[in-house]
Structure formats: C-alpha cells, structure tokens
Amino acid sequence: MSSSYGTKELWHLTHGMRRLVLAESARDAQRIQEVEEELPIARRQLDSINHQLYAHDLQLRRGRDVRVVPLPPGGGARTRQRESGPRTMGGSTSRRGWGTGDDYE
C-alpha cells in the first residue's frame, strides 16, 4: 500500500485544511469580540463588590481609630489606620535583632 499522494489529492487536503483554519480563526475572532464586550460589565460588577467589601470593612472596624479616605476612581477599598497593630514593649514595631539593636533591612 502506497503512502504517497498525487498532486490533486494534496491540493484537496491543503485546501480543506485552509478552510478549517479560516473557520476556526473566524470563530476565535468572534469569541474575542464577545469577551471584549463582556469585560466592562465584569469590571462594573467587580467595582460593586469592592464597594460592598469596603462598606462591610468599615462596619467591622466601627469603634476603632480609623480614618476613611474616598475611593479612587474605578473602585478599590482603602482605609488608613492611625496607631493600630501590635506593639512591643518599647512601642516600636520594627524588626530588631536579639538584643543587639541591629535592624534587618
């Protein structure tokens, strides 16, 4: 049994492969366009979730020393705390060596 193809058979094979590749390429381009159209919706949903998390975080921190700053354009939750977090005996939170006073910077 021969494994070689004639010119006409090769032309039909390559022509069929080209058509298949073009069809797949068109489907890929269409899907990319659909995803690009869905992206702004997803961004708005994420901004909404960020806003909800920000509001929830504020409720959890109620009663603590918290200064609220406005949300930046496009969303995102940001809070700034004054003098919060764990404290050591000296009032410093820097990393120091064992009694040497050396910083590990």
PDB file of N, CA and C in Angstrom:
ATOM      1  N   MET A   1       0.838  -1.169   0.000  1.00  0.00           N
ATOM      2  CA  MET A   1       0.000   0.000   0.000  1.00  0.00           C
ATOM      3  C   MET A   1       0.884   1.233   0.000  1.00  0.00           C
ATOM      4  N   SER A   2       0.627   2.153  -0.895  1.00  0.00           N
ATOM      5  CA  SER A   2       1.452   3.344  -1.053  1.00  0.00           C
ATOM      6  C   SER A   2       0.986   4.430  -0.094  1.00  0.00           C
ATOM      7  N   SER A   3       1.945   5.172   0.461  1.00  0.00           N
ATOM      8  CA  SER A   3       1.605   6.258   1.376  1.00  0.00           C
ATOM      9  C   SER A   3       1.811   7.613   0.702  1.00  0.00           C
ATOM     10  N   SER A   4       1.966   7.632  -0.600  1.00  0.00           N
ATOM     11  CA  SER A   4       2.167   8.898  -1.298  1.00  0.00           C
ATOM     12  C   SER A   4       0.851   9.380  -1.879  1.00  0.00           C
ATOM     13  N   TYR A   5       0.747  10.697  -2.064  1.00  0.00           N
ATOM     14  CA  TYR A   5      -0.456  11.323  -2.595  1.00  0.00           C
ATOM     15  C   TYR A   5      -0.131  11.983  -3.927  1.00  0.00           C
ATOM     16  N   GLY A   6      -1.101  12.061  -4.783  1.00  0.00           N
ATOM     17  CA  GLY A   6      -0.947  12.761  -6.049  1.00  0.00           C
ATOM     18  C   GLY A   6      -1.174  14.255  -5.843  1.00  0.00           C
ATOM     19  N   THR A   7      -0.875  15.047  -6.879  1.00  0.00           N
ATOM     20  CA  THR A   7      -0.996  16.500  -6.808  1.00  0.00           C
ATOM     21  C   THR A   7      -2.428  16.910  -6.498  1.00  0.00           C
ATOM     22  N   LYS A   8      -3.367  16.301  -7.162  1.00  0.00           N
ATOM     23  CA  LYS A   8      -4.764  16.657  -6.959  1.00  0.00           C
ATOM     24  C   LYS A   8      -5.209  16.346  -5.528  1.00  0.00           C
ATOM     25  N   GLU A   9      -4.804  15.193  -5.012  1.00  0.00           N
ATOM     26  CA  GLU A   9      -5.172  14.814  -3.647  1.00  0.00           C
ATOM     27  C   GLU A   9      -4.554  15.772  -2.622  1.00  0.00           C
ATOM     28  N   LEU A  10      -3.293  16.136  -2.840  1.00  0.00           N
ATOM     29  CA  LEU A  10      -2.628  17.080  -1.933  1.00  0.00           C
ATOM     30  C   LEU A  10      -3.316  18.439  -1.959  1.00  0.00           C
ATOM     31  N   TRP A  11      -3.724  18.881  -3.178  1.00  0.00           N
ATOM     32  CA  TRP A  11      -4.405  20.178  -3.281  1.00  0.00           C
ATOM     33  C   TRP A  11      -5.704  20.140  -2.472  1.00  0.00           C
ATOM     34  N   HIS A  12      -6.468  19.065  -2.598  1.00  0.00           N
ATOM     35  CA  HIS A  12      -7.723  18.946  -1.856  1.00  0.00           C
ATOM     36  C   HIS A  12      -7.474  18.907  -0.345  1.00  0.00           C
ATOM     37  N   LEU A  13      -6.442  18.193   0.068  1.00  0.00           N
ATOM     38  CA  LEU A  13      -6.121  18.134   1.504  1.00  0.00           C
ATOM     39  C   LEU A  13      -5.731  19.512   2.041  1.00  0.00           C
ATOM     40  N   THR A  14      -4.831  20.201   1.347  1.00  0.00           N
ATOM     41  CA  THR A  14      -4.382  21.512   1.837  1.00  0.00           C
ATOM     42  C   THR A  14      -5.515  22.532   1.758  1.00  0.00           C
ATOM     43  N   HIS A  15      -6.339  22.452   0.710  1.00  0.00           N
ATOM     44  CA  HIS A  15      -7.476  23.362   0.589  1.00  0.00           C
ATOM     45  C   HIS A  15      -8.457  23.145   1.755  1.00  0.00           C
ATOM     46  N   GLY A  16      -8.708  21.902   2.091  1.00  0.00           N
ATOM     47  CA  GLY A  16      -9.596  21.581   3.225  1.00  0.00           C
ATOM     48  C   GLY A  16      -9.014  22.077   4.539  1.00  0.00           C
ATOM     49  N   MET A  17      -7.709  21.927   4.717  1.00  0.00           N
ATOM     50  CA  MET A  17      -7.073  22.411   5.953  1.00  0.00           C
ATOM     51  C   MET A  17      -7.147  23.928   6.043  1.00  0.00           C
ATOM     52  N   ARG A  18      -6.939  24.614   4.929  1.00  0.00           N
ATOM     53  CA  ARG A  18      -7.030  26.080   4.927  1.00  0.00           C
ATOM     54  C   ARG A  18      -8.437  26.536   5.310  1.00  0.00           C
ATOM     55  N   ARG A  19      -9.442  25.890   4.760  1.00  0.00           N
ATOM     56  CA  ARG A  19     -10.827  26.249   5.086  1.00  0.00           C
ATOM     57  C   ARG A  19     -11.111  26.027   6.566  1.00  0.00           C
ATOM     58  N   LEU A  20     -10.599  24.944   7.094  1.00  0.00           N
ATOM     59  CA  LEU A  20     -10.784  24.645   8.508  1.00  0.00           C
ATOM     60  C   LEU A  20     -10.113  25.707   9.391  1.00  0.00           C
ATOM     61  N   VAL A  21      -8.888  26.068   9.035  1.00  0.00           N
ATOM     62  CA  VAL A  21      -8.152  27.079   9.796  1.00  0.00           C
ATOM     63  C   VAL A  21      -8.859  28.428   9.725  1.00  0.00           C
ATOM     64  N   LEU A  22      -9.336  28.811   8.555  1.00  0.00           N
ATOM     65  CA  LEU A  22     -10.062  30.078   8.408  1.00  0.00           C
ATOM     66  C   LEU A  22     -11.347  30.080   9.233  1.00  0.00           C
ATOM     67  N   ALA A  23     -12.067  28.968   9.235  1.00  0.00           N
ATOM     68  CA  ALA A  23     -13.303  28.884  10.025  1.00  0.00           C
ATOM     69  C   ALA A  23     -12.997  29.004  11.512  1.00  0.00           C
ATOM     70  N   GLU A  24     -11.961  28.309  11.974  1.00  0.00           N
ATOM     71  CA  GLU A  24     -11.576  28.396  13.383  1.00  0.00           C
ATOM     72  C   GLU A  24     -11.121  29.805  13.739  1.00  0.00           C
ATOM     73  N   SER A  25     -10.402  30.443  12.836  1.00  0.00           N
ATOM     74  CA  SER A  25      -9.941  31.804  13.059  1.00  0.00           C
ATOM     75  C   SER A  25     -11.113  32.767  13.186  1.00  0.00           C
ATOM     76  N   ALA A  26     -12.124  32.597  12.340  1.00  0.00           N
ATOM     77  CA  ALA A  26     -13.317  33.450  12.408  1.00  0.00           C
ATOM     78  C   ALA A  26     -14.055  33.240  13.725  1.00  0.00           C
ATOM     79  N   ARG A  27     -14.160  31.979  14.171  1.00  0.00           N
ATOM     80  CA  ARG A  27     -14.803  31.705  15.460  1.00  0.00           C
ATOM     81  C   ARG A  27     -14.006  32.324  16.604  1.00  0.00           C
ATOM     82  N   ASP A  28     -12.686  32.221  16.535  1.00  0.00           N
ATOM     83  CA  ASP A  28     -11.843  32.822  17.574  1.00  0.00           C
ATOM     84  C   ASP A  28     -12.022  34.338  17.625  1.00  0.00           C
ATOM     85  N   ALA A  29     -12.052  34.978  16.460  1.00  0.00           N
ATOM     86  CA  ALA A  29     -12.233  36.427  16.400  1.00  0.00           C
ATOM     87  C   ALA A  29     -13.582  36.824  16.977  1.00  0.00           C
ATOM     88  N   GLN A  30     -14.612  36.050  16.684  1.00  0.00           N
ATOM     89  CA  GLN A  30     -15.948  36.337  17.217  1.00  0.00           C
ATOM     90  C   GLN A  30     -15.955  36.188  18.739  1.00  0.00           C
ATOM     91  N   ARG A  31     -15.318  35.150  19.249  1.00  0.00           N
ATOM     92  CA  ARG A  31     -15.280  34.930  20.704  1.00  0.00           C
ATOM     93  C   ARG A  31     -14.492  36.040  21.399  1.00  0.00           C
ATOM     94  N   ILE A  32     -13.402  36.485  20.789  1.00  0.00           N
ATOM     95  CA  ILE A  32     -12.626  37.595  21.355  1.00  0.00           C
ATOM     96  C   ILE A  32     -13.487  38.846  21.444  1.00  0.00           C
ATOM     97  N   GLN A  33     -14.250  39.117  20.416  1.00  0.00           N
ATOM     98  CA  GLN A  33     -15.133  40.283  20.414  1.00  0.00           C
ATOM     99  C   GLN A  33     -16.183  40.153  21.522  1.00  0.00           C
ATOM    100  N   GLU A  34     -16.754  38.969  21.704  1.00  0.00           N
ATOM    101  CA  GLU A  34     -17.742  38.750  22.758  1.00  0.00           C
ATOM    102  C   GLU A  34     -17.131  38.996  24.139  1.00  0.00           C
ATOM    103  N   VAL A  35     -15.925  38.501  24.346  1.00  0.00           N
ATOM    104  CA  VAL A  35     -15.248  38.692  25.635  1.00  0.00           C
ATOM    105  C   VAL A  35     -14.956  40.168  25.875  1.00  0.00           C
ATOM    106  N   GLU A  36     -14.524  40.872  24.839  1.00  0.00           N
ATOM    107  CA  GLU A  36     -14.259  42.310  24.976  1.00  0.00           C
ATOM    108  C   GLU A  36     -15.532  43.073  25.322  1.00  0.00           C
ATOM    109  N   GLU A  37     -16.678  42.626  24.804  1.00  0.00           N
ATOM    110  CA  GLU A  37     -17.949  43.272  25.124  1.00  0.00           C
ATOM    111  C   GLU A  37     -18.386  42.966  26.557  1.00  0.00           C
ATOM    112  N   GLU A  38     -18.024  41.800  27.067  1.00  0.00           N
ATOM    113  CA  GLU A  38     -18.388  41.406  28.429  1.00  0.00           C
ATOM    114  C   GLU A  38     -17.479  42.035  29.485  1.00  0.00           C
ATOM    115  N   LEU A  39     -16.301  42.461  29.100  1.00  0.00           N
ATOM    116  CA  LEU A  39     -15.316  42.974  30.046  1.00  0.00           C
ATOM    117  C   LEU A  39     -15.802  44.186  30.843  1.00  0.00           C
ATOM    118  N   PRO A  40     -16.397  45.220  30.220  1.00  0.00           N
ATOM    119  CA  PRO A  40     -16.876  46.363  31.027  1.00  0.00           C
ATOM    120  C   PRO A  40     -17.932  45.960  32.053  1.00  0.00           C
ATOM    121  N   ILE A  41     -18.781  44.989  31.717  1.00  0.00           N
ATOM    122  CA  ILE A  41     -19.797  44.510  32.658  1.00  0.00           C
ATOM    123  C   ILE A  41     -19.109  43.864  33.859  1.00  0.00           C
ATOM    124  N   ALA A  42     -18.113  43.032  33.584  1.00  0.00           N
ATOM    125  CA  ALA A  42     -17.380  42.374  34.668  1.00  0.00           C
ATOM    126  C   ALA A  42     -16.663  43.399  35.541  1.00  0.00           C
ATOM    127  N   ARG A  43     -16.102  44.444  34.933  1.00  0.00           N
ATOM    128  CA  ARG A  43     -15.419  45.485  35.708  1.00  0.00           C
ATOM    129  C   ARG A  43     -16.401  46.211  36.624  1.00  0.00           C
ATOM    130  N   ARG A  44     -17.602  46.528  36.110  1.00  0.00           N
ATOM    131  CA  ARG A  44     -18.610  47.191  36.945  1.00  0.00           C
ATOM    132  C   ARG A  44     -19.021  46.292  38.104  1.00  0.00           C
ATOM    133  N   GLN A  45     -19.150  44.997  37.844  1.00  0.00           N
ATOM    134  CA  GLN A  45     -19.511  44.066  38.917  1.00  0.00           C
ATOM    135  C   GLN A  45     -18.410  44.010  39.978  1.00  0.00           C
ATOM    136  N   LEU A  46     -17.157  43.992  39.548  1.00  0.00           N
ATOM    137  CA  LEU A  46     -16.044  43.985  40.499  1.00  0.00           C
ATOM    138  C   LEU A  46     -16.003  45.274  41.312  1.00  0.00           C
ATOM    139  N   ASP A  47     -16.258  46.410  40.665  1.00  0.00           N
ATOM    140  CA  ASP A  47     -16.300  47.684  41.389  1.00  0.00           C
ATOM    141  C   ASP A  47     -17.401  47.662  42.450  1.00  0.00           C
ATOM    142  N   SER A  48     -18.546  47.097  42.098  1.00  0.00           N
ATOM    143  CA  SER A  48     -19.647  46.998  43.051  1.00  0.00           C
ATOM    144  C   SER A  48     -19.270  46.111  44.233  1.00  0.00           C
ATOM    145  N   ILE A  49     -18.636  44.979  43.950  1.00  0.00           N
ATOM    146  CA  ILE A  49     -18.195  44.077  45.018  1.00  0.00           C
ATOM    147  C   ILE A  49     -17.162  44.767  45.897  1.00  0.00           C
ATOM    148  N   ASN A  50     -16.216  45.488  45.290  1.00  0.00           N
ATOM    149  CA  ASN A  50     -15.216  46.225  46.067  1.00  0.00           C
ATOM    150  C   ASN A  50     -15.890  47.239  46.969  1.00  0.00           C
ATOM    151  N   HIS A  51     -16.903  47.935  46.455  1.00  0.00           N
ATOM    152  CA  HIS A  51     -17.616  48.926  47.264  1.00  0.00           C
ATOM    153  C   HIS A  51     -18.320  48.253  48.442  1.00  0.00           C
ATOM    154  N   GLN A  52     -18.949  47.101  48.190  1.00  0.00           N
ATOM    155  CA  GLN A  52     -19.626  46.369  49.260  1.00  0.00           C
ATOM    156  C   GLN A  52     -18.630  45.896  50.317  1.00  0.00           C
ATOM    157  N   LEU A  53     -17.476  45.394  49.869  1.00  0.00           N
ATOM    158  CA  LEU A  53     -16.446  44.953  50.824  1.00  0.00           C
ATOM    159  C   LEU A  53     -15.921  46.122  51.639  1.00  0.00           C
ATOM    160  N   TYR A  54     -15.756  47.260  50.993  1.00  0.00           N
ATOM    161  CA  TYR A  54     -15.295  48.470  51.665  1.00  0.00           C
ATOM    162  C   TYR A  54     -16.286  48.870  52.754  1.00  0.00           C
ATOM    163  N   ALA A  55     -17.578  48.877  52.415  1.00  0.00           N
ATOM    164  CA  ALA A  55     -18.596  49.239  53.390  1.00  0.00           C
ATOM    165  C   ALA A  55     -18.643  48.227  54.535  1.00  0.00           C
ATOM    166  N   HIS A  56     -18.523  46.951  54.215  1.00  0.00           N
ATOM    167  CA  HIS A  56     -18.526  45.907  55.239  1.00  0.00           C
ATOM    168  C   HIS A  56     -17.310  46.049  56.149  1.00  0.00           C
ATOM    169  N   ASP A  57     -16.164  46.332  55.574  1.00  0.00           N
ATOM    170  CA  ASP A  57     -14.942  46.523  56.352  1.00  0.00           C
ATOM    171  C   ASP A  57     -15.105  47.684  57.324  1.00  0.00           C
ATOM    172  N   LEU A  58     -15.744  48.757  56.873  1.00  0.00           N
ATOM    173  CA  LEU A  58     -15.971  49.902  57.760  1.00  0.00           C
ATOM    174  C   LEU A  58     -16.867  49.514  58.924  1.00  0.00           C
ATOM    175  N   GLN A  59     -17.886  48.698  58.656  1.00  0.00           N
ATOM    176  CA  GLN A  59     -18.762  48.260  59.738  1.00  0.00           C
ATOM    177  C   GLN A  59     -18.003  47.423  60.753  1.00  0.00           C
ATOM    178  N   LEU A  60     -17.101  46.559  60.283  1.00  0.00           N
ATOM    179  CA  LEU A  60     -16.321  45.716  61.188  1.00  0.00           C
ATOM    180  C   LEU A  60     -15.359  46.539  62.022  1.00  0.00           C
ATOM    181  N   ARG A  61     -14.882  47.644  61.460  1.00  0.00           N
ATOM    182  CA  ARG A  61     -13.900  48.468  62.153  1.00  0.00           C
ATOM    183  C   ARG A  61     -14.543  49.575  62.998  1.00  0.00           C
ATOM    184  N   ARG A  62     -15.865  49.639  63.021  1.00  0.00           N
ATOM    185  CA  ARG A  62     -16.560  50.686  63.762  1.00  0.00           C
ATOM    186  C   ARG A  62     -16.100  50.662  65.216  1.00  0.00           C
ATOM    187  N   GLY A  63     -15.800  51.818  65.724  1.00  0.00           N
ATOM    188  CA  GLY A  63     -15.325  51.911  67.096  1.00  0.00           C
ATOM    189  C   GLY A  63     -13.812  51.927  67.205  1.00  0.00           C
ATOM    190  N   ARG A  64     -13.121  51.613  66.141  1.00  0.00           N
ATOM    191  CA  ARG A  64     -11.659  51.672  66.143  1.00  0.00           C
ATOM    192  C   ARG A  64     -11.210  53.018  65.608  1.00  0.00           C
ATOM    193  N   ASP A  65      -9.950  53.312  65.770  1.00  0.00           N
ATOM    194  CA  ASP A  65      -9.395  54.585  65.312  1.00  0.00           C
ATOM    195  C   ASP A  65      -9.114  54.482  63.818  1.00  0.00           C
ATOM    196  N   VAL A  66     -10.099  54.798  62.993  1.00  0.00           N
ATOM    197  CA  VAL A  66      -9.984  54.642  61.544  1.00  0.00           C
ATOM    198  C   VAL A  66     -10.309  55.966  60.868  1.00  0.00           C
ATOM    199  N   ARG A  67      -9.495  56.328  59.898  1.00  0.00           N
ATOM    200  CA  ARG A  67      -9.792  57.491  59.061  1.00  0.00           C
ATOM    201  C   ARG A  67     -10.165  56.967  57.682  1.00  0.00           C
ATOM    202  N   VAL A  68     -11.313  57.366  57.196  1.00  0.00           N
ATOM    203  CA  VAL A  68     -11.803  56.901  55.898  1.00  0.00           C
ATOM    204  C   VAL A  68     -11.348  57.872  54.828  1.00  0.00           C
ATOM    205  N   VAL A  69     -10.809  57.329  53.755  1.00  0.00           N
ATOM    206  CA  VAL A  69     -10.423  58.146  52.609  1.00  0.00           C
ATOM    207  C   VAL A  69     -11.337  57.788  51.455  1.00  0.00           C
ATOM    208  N   PRO A  70     -11.609  58.722  50.544  1.00  0.00           N
ATOM    209  CA  PRO A  70     -12.516  58.429  49.429  1.00  0.00           C
ATOM    210  C   PRO A  70     -11.967  57.328  48.535  1.00  0.00           C
ATOM    211  N   LEU A  71     -12.888  56.599  47.905  1.00  0.00           N
ATOM    212  CA  LEU A  71     -12.487  55.572  46.944  1.00  0.00           C
ATOM    213  C   LEU A  71     -11.870  56.241  45.723  1.00  0.00           C
ATOM    214  N   PRO A  72     -10.779  55.664  45.198  1.00  0.00           N
ATOM    215  CA  PRO A  72     -10.182  56.213  43.976  1.00  0.00           C
ATOM    216  C   PRO A  72     -11.097  55.940  42.787  1.00  0.00           C
ATOM    217  N   PRO A  73     -10.949  56.692  41.711  1.00  0.00           N
ATOM    218  CA  PRO A  73     -11.763  56.426  40.520  1.00  0.00           C
ATOM    219  C   PRO A  73     -11.580  54.983  40.057  1.00  0.00           C
ATOM    220  N   GLY A  74     -12.656  54.333  39.713  1.00  0.00           N
ATOM    221  CA  GLY A  74     -12.576  52.946  39.248  1.00  0.00           C
ATOM    222  C   GLY A  74     -12.736  51.944  40.367  1.00  0.00           C
ATOM    223  N   GLY A  75     -12.956  52.417  41.605  1.00  0.00           N
ATOM    224  CA  GLY A  75     -13.206  51.496  42.710  1.00  0.00           C
ATOM    225  C   GLY A  75     -11.962  51.181  43.493  1.00  0.00           C
ATOM    226  N   GLY A  76     -12.082  50.207  44.373  1.00  0.00           N
ATOM    227  CA  GLY A  76     -10.992  49.814  45.247  1.00  0.00           C
ATOM    228  C   GLY A  76     -11.297  50.251  46.666  1.00  0.00           C
ATOM    229  N   ALA A  77     -10.951  49.422  47.616  1.00  0.00           N
ATOM    230  CA  ALA A  77     -11.207  49.751  49.019  1.00  0.00           C
ATOM    231  C   ALA A  77      -9.903  50.142  49.693  1.00  0.00           C
ATOM    232  N   ARG A  78      -9.925  51.282  50.329  1.00  0.00           N
ATOM    233  CA  ARG A  78      -8.721  51.756  51.019  1.00  0.00           C
ATOM    234  C   ARG A  78      -9.129  52.359  52.358  1.00  0.00           C
ATOM    235  N   THR A  79      -8.450  51.974  53.426  1.00  0.00           N
ATOM    236  CA  THR A  79      -8.615  52.634  54.715  1.00  0.00           C
ATOM    237  C   THR A  79      -7.234  52.894  55.266  1.00  0.00           C
ATOM    238  N   ARG A  80      -7.153  53.901  56.091  1.00  0.00           N
ATOM    239  CA  ARG A  80      -5.884  54.189  56.751  1.00  0.00           C
ATOM    240  C   ARG A  80      -6.126  54.157  58.241  1.00  0.00           C
ATOM    241  N   GLN A  81      -5.247  53.488  58.956  1.00  0.00           N
ATOM    242  CA  GLN A  81      -5.372  53.407  60.398  1.00  0.00           C
ATOM    243  C   GLN A  81      -4.258  54.209  61.032  1.00  0.00           C
ATOM    244  N   ARG A  82      -4.599  54.810  62.163  1.00  0.00           N
ATOM    245  CA  ARG A  82      -3.593  55.530  62.921  1.00  0.00           C
ATOM    246  C   ARG A  82      -3.270  54.745  64.172  1.00  0.00           C
ATOM    247  N   GLU A  83      -2.010  54.515  64.375  1.00  0.00           N
ATOM    248  CA  GLU A  83      -1.530  53.869  65.593  1.00  0.00           C
ATOM    249  C   GLU A  83      -2.252  52.564  65.895  1.00  0.00           C
ATOM    250  N   SER A  84      -2.388  51.700  64.917  1.00  0.00           N
ATOM    251  CA  SER A  84      -3.024  50.417  65.168  1.00  0.00           C
ATOM    252  C   SER A  84      -2.002  49.316  64.937  1.00  0.00           C
ATOM    253  N   GLY A  85      -2.341  48.129  65.354  1.00  0.00           N
ATOM    254  CA  GLY A  85      -1.473  46.985  65.161  1.00  0.00           C
ATOM    255  C   GLY A  85      -0.754  46.627  66.452  1.00  0.00           C
ATOM    256  N   PRO A  86      -0.039  45.513  66.448  1.00  0.00           N
ATOM    257  CA  PRO A  86       0.638  45.055  67.666  1.00  0.00           C
ATOM    258  C   PRO A  86       1.789  45.978  68.049  1.00  0.00           C
ATOM    259  N   ARG A  87       1.983  46.109  69.329  1.00  0.00           N
ATOM    260  CA  ARG A  87       3.055  46.954  69.856  1.00  0.00           C
ATOM    261  C   ARG A  87       3.983  46.132  70.736  1.00  0.00           C
ATOM    262  N   THR A  88       5.241  46.475  70.715  1.00  0.00           N
ATOM    263  CA  THR A  88       6.213  45.835  71.589  1.00  0.00           C
ATOM    264  C   THR A  88       6.406  46.696  72.823  1.00  0.00           C
ATOM    265  N   MET A  89       7.220  46.244  73.737  1.00  0.00           N
ATOM    266  CA  MET A  89       7.432  46.970  74.991  1.00  0.00           C
ATOM    267  C   MET A  89       7.893  48.396  74.746  1.00  0.00           C
ATOM    268  N   GLY A  90       8.764  48.608  73.792  1.00  0.00           N
ATOM    269  CA  GLY A  90       9.290  49.939  73.527  1.00  0.00           C
ATOM    270  C   GLY A  90       8.380  50.790  72.659  1.00  0.00           C
ATOM    271  N   GLY A  91       7.263  50.230  72.224  1.00  0.00           N
ATOM    272  CA  GLY A  91       6.351  50.983  71.391  1.00  0.00           C
ATOM    273  C   GLY A  91       6.732  50.947  69.924  1.00  0.00           C
ATOM    274  N   SER A  92       7.749  50.169  69.566  1.00  0.00           N
ATOM    275  CA  SER A  92       8.201  50.108  68.186  1.00  0.00           C
ATOM    276  C   SER A  92       7.834  48.763  67.595  1.00  0.00           C
ATOM    277  N   THR A  93       7.505  48.769  66.300  1.00  0.00           N
ATOM    278  CA  THR A  93       7.183  47.505  65.628  1.00  0.00           C
ATOM    279  C   THR A  93       8.277  47.109  64.649  1.00  0.00           C
ATOM    280  N   SER A  94       9.421  47.793  64.691  1.00  0.00           N
ATOM    281  CA  SER A  94      10.486  47.450  63.744  1.00  0.00           C
ATOM    282  C   SER A  94      11.117  46.127  64.141  1.00  0.00           C
ATOM    283  N   ARG A  95      11.696  45.452  63.150  1.00  0.00           N
ATOM    284  CA  ARG A  95      12.348  44.171  63.418  1.00  0.00           C
ATOM    285  C   ARG A  95      13.748  44.434  63.936  1.00  0.00           C
ATOM    286  N   ARG A  96      14.029  43.940  65.082  1.00  0.00           N
ATOM    287  CA  ARG A  96      15.345  44.130  65.699  1.00  0.00           C
ATOM    288  C   ARG A  96      15.969  42.773  65.977  1.00  0.00           C
ATOM    289  N   GLY A  97      17.272  42.771  66.067  1.00  0.00           N
ATOM    290  CA  GLY A  97      17.996  41.563  66.415  1.00  0.00           C
ATOM    291  C   GLY A  97      17.772  41.216  67.883  1.00  0.00           C
ATOM    292  N   TRP A  98      18.221  40.068  68.302  1.00  0.00           N
ATOM    293  CA  TRP A  98      18.016  39.610  69.680  1.00  0.00           C
ATOM    294  C   TRP A  98      18.904  40.387  70.622  1.00  0.00           C
ATOM    295  N   GLY A  99      18.419  41.560  70.999  1.00  0.00           N
ATOM    296  CA  GLY A  99      19.141  42.353  71.993  1.00  0.00           C
ATOM    297  C   GLY A  99      20.301  43.132  71.422  1.00  0.00           C
ATOM    298  N   THR A 100      20.523  43.094  70.086  1.00  0.00           N
ATOM    299  CA  THR A 100      21.669  43.793  69.533  1.00  0.00           C
ATOM    300  C   THR A 100      21.314  45.187  69.072  1.00  0.00           C
ATOM    301  N   GLY A 101      20.027  45.440  68.821  1.00  0.00           N
ATOM    302  CA  GLY A 101      19.625  46.743  68.311  1.00  0.00           C
ATOM    303  C   GLY A 101      19.844  46.893  66.826  1.00  0.00           C
ATOM    304  N   ASP A 102      20.261  45.819  66.145  1.00  0.00           N
ATOM    305  CA  ASP A 102      20.523  45.888  64.698  1.00  0.00           C
ATOM    306  C   ASP A 102      19.250  45.643  63.919  1.00  0.00           C
ATOM    307  N   ASP A 103      18.995  46.464  62.903  1.00  0.00           N
ATOM    308  CA  ASP A 103      17.852  46.254  62.021  1.00  0.00           C
ATOM    309  C   ASP A 103      18.216  45.245  60.950  1.00  0.00           C
ATOM    310  N   TYR A 104      17.252  44.472  60.512  1.00  0.00           N
ATOM    311  CA  TYR A 104      17.438  43.508  59.428  1.00  0.00           C
ATOM    312  C   TYR A 104      16.960  44.097  58.119  1.00  0.00           C
ATOM    313  N   GLU A 105      17.402  45.213  57.715  1.00  0.00           N
ATOM    314  CA  GLU A 105      16.933  45.849  56.470  1.00  0.00           C
ATOM    315  C   GLU A 105      17.718  45.339  55.313  1.00  0.00           C
TER     316      GLU A 105
END
